Amino acid sequence: MSLPKQPRQLMITLMYLVLLAMLALNVSAEIMNAFLTLDQGIGNSNGIVDNSNHQIMKGISEQADAYQKYKK
């Protein structure tokens, strides 16, 4: 993003950035708690999927080892 050349455009851009900063500081605790809950849920889901994938790969590996005698 390039800075505006004219002073009026620069002032408007800076006021917009200040407004965004003020809005970001005014985020309610409920929204932060919602993001925390969402993050925890995603973390739990990732753990479940990782565990499931590990079990599937372990089962495939066991099946492949069981048929080693047919391998050339």
C-alpha atoms as a PDB file:
ATOM      1  CA  MET A   1       0.000   0.000   0.000  1.00  0.00           C
ATOM      2  CA  SER A   2       1.518   3.301  -1.017  1.00  0.00           C
ATOM      3  CA  LEU A   3       1.014   6.468   0.966  1.00  0.00           C
ATOM      4  CA  PRO A   4      -1.169   9.134  -0.636  1.00  0.00           C
ATOM      5  CA  LYS A   5       0.588  12.125  -2.157  1.00  0.00           C
ATOM      6  CA  GLN A   6      -1.889  14.830  -1.143  1.00  0.00           C
ATOM      7  CA  PRO A   7      -2.140  15.975   2.513  1.00  0.00           C
ATOM      8  CA  ARG A   8      -5.926  15.577   2.554  1.00  0.00           C
ATOM      9  CA  GLN A   9      -5.722  11.948   1.437  1.00  0.00           C
ATOM     10  CA  LEU A  10      -2.963  11.300   3.982  1.00  0.00           C
ATOM     11  CA  MET A  11      -5.098  12.774   6.783  1.00  0.00           C
ATOM     12  CA  ILE A  12      -8.104  10.639   5.779  1.00  0.00           C
ATOM     13  CA  THR A  13      -5.928   7.508   5.669  1.00  0.00           C
ATOM     14  CA  LEU A  14      -4.464   8.209   9.097  1.00  0.00           C
ATOM     15  CA  MET A  15      -7.907   8.912  10.577  1.00  0.00           C
ATOM     16  CA  TYR A  16      -9.145   5.622   9.129  1.00  0.00           C
ATOM     17  CA  LEU A  17      -6.204   3.745  10.708  1.00  0.00           C
ATOM     18  CA  VAL A  18      -6.847   5.422  14.066  1.00  0.00           C
ATOM     19  CA  LEU A  19     -10.544   4.484  13.855  1.00  0.00           C
ATOM     20  CA  LEU A  20      -9.642   0.854  13.129  1.00  0.00           C
ATOM     21  CA  ALA A  21      -7.223   0.812  16.057  1.00  0.00           C
ATOM     22  CA  MET A  22      -9.883   2.221  18.380  1.00  0.00           C
ATOM     23  CA  LEU A  23     -12.391  -0.369  17.190  1.00  0.00           C
ATOM     24  CA  ALA A  24      -9.851  -3.151  17.682  1.00  0.00           C
ATOM     25  CA  LEU A  25      -9.247  -2.054  21.268  1.00  0.00           C
ATOM     26  CA  ASN A  26     -12.984  -2.006  21.947  1.00  0.00           C
ATOM     27  CA  VAL A  27     -13.605  -5.690  21.210  1.00  0.00           C
ATOM     28  CA  SER A  28     -15.868  -7.157  23.845  1.00  0.00           C
ATOM     29  CA  ALA A  29     -14.922 -10.067  26.072  1.00  0.00           C
ATOM     30  CA  GLU A  30     -17.703 -12.178  24.552  1.00  0.00           C
ATOM     31  CA  ILE A  31     -16.083 -12.016  21.127  1.00  0.00           C
ATOM     32  CA  MET A  32     -12.699 -12.925  22.571  1.00  0.00           C
ATOM     33  CA  ASN A  33     -14.268 -15.864  24.433  1.00  0.00           C
ATOM     34  CA  ALA A  34     -15.941 -16.989  21.199  1.00  0.00           C
ATOM     35  CA  PHE A  35     -12.587 -16.974  19.402  1.00  0.00           C
ATOM     36  CA  LEU A  36     -11.002 -18.888  22.299  1.00  0.00           C
ATOM     37  CA  THR A  37     -13.775 -21.490  22.204  1.00  0.00           C
ATOM     38  CA  LEU A  38     -13.428 -21.779  18.438  1.00  0.00           C
ATOM     39  CA  ASP A  39      -9.656 -22.227  18.730  1.00  0.00           C
ATOM     40  CA  GLN A  40     -10.055 -24.928  21.370  1.00  0.00           C
ATOM     41  CA  GLY A  41     -12.655 -26.734  19.251  1.00  0.00           C
ATOM     42  CA  ILE A  42     -10.404 -26.685  16.199  1.00  0.00           C
ATOM     43  CA  GLY A  43      -7.511 -27.944  18.310  1.00  0.00           C
ATOM     44  CA  ASN A  44      -9.616 -30.817  19.640  1.00  0.00           C
ATOM     45  CA  SER A  45     -10.805 -31.687  16.128  1.00  0.00           C
ATOM     46  CA  ASN A  46      -7.232 -31.707  14.843  1.00  0.00           C
ATOM     47  CA  GLY A  47      -6.219 -34.048  17.668  1.00  0.00           C
ATOM     48  CA  ILE A  48      -9.065 -36.444  16.898  1.00  0.00           C
ATOM     49  CA  VAL A  49      -8.268 -36.478  13.176  1.00  0.00           C
ATOM     50  CA  ASP A  50      -4.540 -36.989  13.841  1.00  0.00           C
ATOM     51  CA  ASN A  51      -5.296 -39.899  16.167  1.00  0.00           C
ATOM     52  CA  SER A  52      -7.668 -41.446  13.618  1.00  0.00           C
ATOM     53  CA  ASN A  53      -5.112 -41.084  10.826  1.00  0.00           C
ATOM     54  CA  HIS A  54      -2.446 -42.677  13.011  1.00  0.00           C
ATOM     55  CA  GLN A  55      -4.699 -45.653  13.762  1.00  0.00           C
ATOM     56  CA  ILE A  56      -5.577 -46.090  10.079  1.00  0.00           C
ATOM     57  CA  MET A  57      -1.907 -46.008   9.051  1.00  0.00           C
ATOM     58  CA  LYS A  58      -1.063 -48.483  11.824  1.00  0.00           C
ATOM     59  CA  GLY A  59      -3.780 -50.852  10.566  1.00  0.00           C
ATOM     60  CA  ILE A  60      -2.550 -50.570   6.985  1.00  0.00           C
ATOM     61  CA  SER A  61       1.002 -51.229   8.120  1.00  0.00           C
ATOM     62  CA  GLU A  62      -0.080 -54.307  10.087  1.00  0.00           C
ATOM     63  CA  GLN A  63      -1.978 -55.658   7.077  1.00  0.00           C
ATOM     64  CA  ALA A  64       1.021 -55.046   4.820  1.00  0.00           C
ATOM     65  CA  ASP A  65       3.318 -56.846   7.283  1.00  0.00           C
ATOM     66  CA  ALA A  66       0.899 -59.793   7.478  1.00  0.00           C
ATOM     67  CA  TYR A  67       1.266 -60.407   3.738  1.00  0.00           C
ATOM     68  CA  GLN A  68       5.035 -60.113   3.528  1.00  0.00           C
ATOM     69  CA  LYS A  69       5.370 -63.758   2.606  1.00  0.00           C
ATOM     70  CA  TYR A  70       3.617 -63.116  -0.728  1.00  0.00           C
ATOM     71  CA  LYS A  71       5.939 -60.257  -1.614  1.00  0.00           C
ATOM     72  CA  LYS A  72       8.519 -61.048  -4.298  1.00  0.00           C
END
